[in-house]
Amino acid sequence: MEVQLGGKGEVYSFTTVTDPPAGYEEQAPYILALVKLDEGPMVTAQLTDLDGPVAIGMRVEMVTRKLRTEGQSGMIVYGYKFRPLLP
């Protein structure tokens, strides 16, 4: 069954990552959240574009952002993150 997700939801839980896995060191510390999408599923993603504190229930939306740079060639890997919902 195929389901289209709208990319909006709310922060269900979150933590601050201070000891990141290899390849993500330059981003630490960063906020990693469990986001409950409006359609029901939950996904884990980094939060970005934060101007203030994170709160459970905060409305967020999915955006495409740089995840990391790989190898000697400096290939940039992109993926999804979530930012506070814009008004």
Protein backbone atom coordinates (compact mmCIF):
# COMPACT_ATOMS: atom_id res chain seq x y z
CA MET A 1 0.00 0.00 0.00
CA GLU A 2 1.40 3.38 -0.99
CA VAL A 3 0.83 6.36 1.31
CA GLN A 4 1.81 9.94 0.55
CA LEU A 5 3.16 11.85 3.55
CA GLY A 6 2.76 15.61 3.80
CA GLY A 7 6.01 16.23 5.69
CA LYS A 8 4.46 18.03 8.67
CA GLY A 9 4.12 16.82 12.22
CA GLU A 10 5.11 17.45 15.81
CA VAL A 11 8.06 16.69 18.05
CA TYR A 12 7.19 13.57 20.05
CA SER A 13 10.56 13.33 21.86
CA PHE A 14 14.08 14.71 21.44
CA THR A 15 17.64 14.60 22.72
CA THR A 16 20.86 16.53 22.23
CA VAL A 17 23.61 14.54 20.52
CA THR A 18 27.03 15.54 21.87
CA ASP A 19 29.00 12.42 20.83
CA PRO A 20 27.96 11.92 17.18
CA PRO A 21 28.73 8.96 14.92
CA ALA A 22 31.56 9.20 12.36
CA GLY A 23 30.80 11.68 9.61
CA TYR A 24 28.63 13.95 11.76
CA GLU A 25 31.27 15.39 14.11
CA GLU A 26 31.17 18.87 12.56
CA GLN A 27 27.46 19.20 13.39
CA ALA A 28 27.67 18.37 17.10
CA PRO A 29 25.99 19.23 19.30
CA TYR A 30 22.69 18.84 17.48
CA ILE A 31 19.08 18.02 18.31
CA LEU A 32 17.77 14.61 17.21
CA ALA A 33 14.00 14.24 17.38
CA LEU A 34 11.33 11.62 17.06
CA VAL A 35 8.70 13.33 14.89
CA LYS A 36 5.12 12.08 14.72
CA LEU A 37 3.87 12.93 11.24
CA ASP A 38 0.30 14.17 10.79
CA GLU A 39 -0.51 10.93 8.94
CA GLY A 40 0.56 8.82 11.95
CA PRO A 41 4.03 7.35 11.32
CA MET A 42 7.00 8.42 13.43
CA VAL A 43 10.42 9.22 11.97
CA THR A 44 13.76 10.11 13.53
CA ALA A 45 15.48 13.21 12.18
CA GLN A 46 17.76 16.07 13.08
CA LEU A 47 16.11 19.41 13.84
CA THR A 48 17.47 22.48 12.04
CA ASP A 49 16.88 26.23 11.78
CA LEU A 50 16.12 26.51 15.51
CA ASP A 51 15.86 30.01 17.00
CA GLY A 52 14.85 28.92 20.49
CA PRO A 53 14.33 25.88 22.68
CA VAL A 54 12.71 22.68 21.42
CA ALA A 55 9.48 21.52 23.05
CA ILE A 56 7.42 18.35 22.95
CA GLY A 57 4.45 19.08 20.67
CA MET A 58 6.33 21.72 18.63
CA ARG A 59 5.00 21.80 15.06
CA VAL A 60 7.67 21.03 12.44
CA GLU A 61 7.99 20.53 8.69
CA MET A 62 10.38 18.43 6.61
CA VAL A 63 13.14 20.18 4.62
CA THR A 64 16.06 18.95 2.52
CA ARG A 65 19.44 19.78 4.04
CA LYS A 66 23.08 18.70 3.91
CA LEU A 67 23.71 15.65 6.10
CA ARG A 68 27.47 15.21 5.68
CA THR A 69 30.43 15.33 3.28
CA GLU A 70 32.00 12.02 2.24
CA GLY A 71 35.40 10.96 1.00
CA GLN A 72 38.34 12.81 -0.49
CA SER A 73 36.21 14.16 -3.33
CA GLY A 74 34.00 15.93 -0.79
CA MET A 75 30.72 14.48 -2.09
CA ILE A 76 27.83 16.17 -0.27
CA VAL A 77 25.08 13.86 0.98
CA TYR A 78 21.63 15.43 1.32
CA GLY A 79 18.64 14.13 3.25
CA TYR A 80 15.66 15.24 5.28
CA LYS A 81 15.64 17.21 8.50
CA PHE A 82 12.82 19.07 10.24
CA ARG A 83 12.53 22.76 11.09
CA PRO A 84 9.93 24.65 13.11
CA LEU A 85 6.79 25.16 11.03
CA LEU A 86 6.83 28.54 9.32
CA PRO A 87 3.72 30.70 9.79
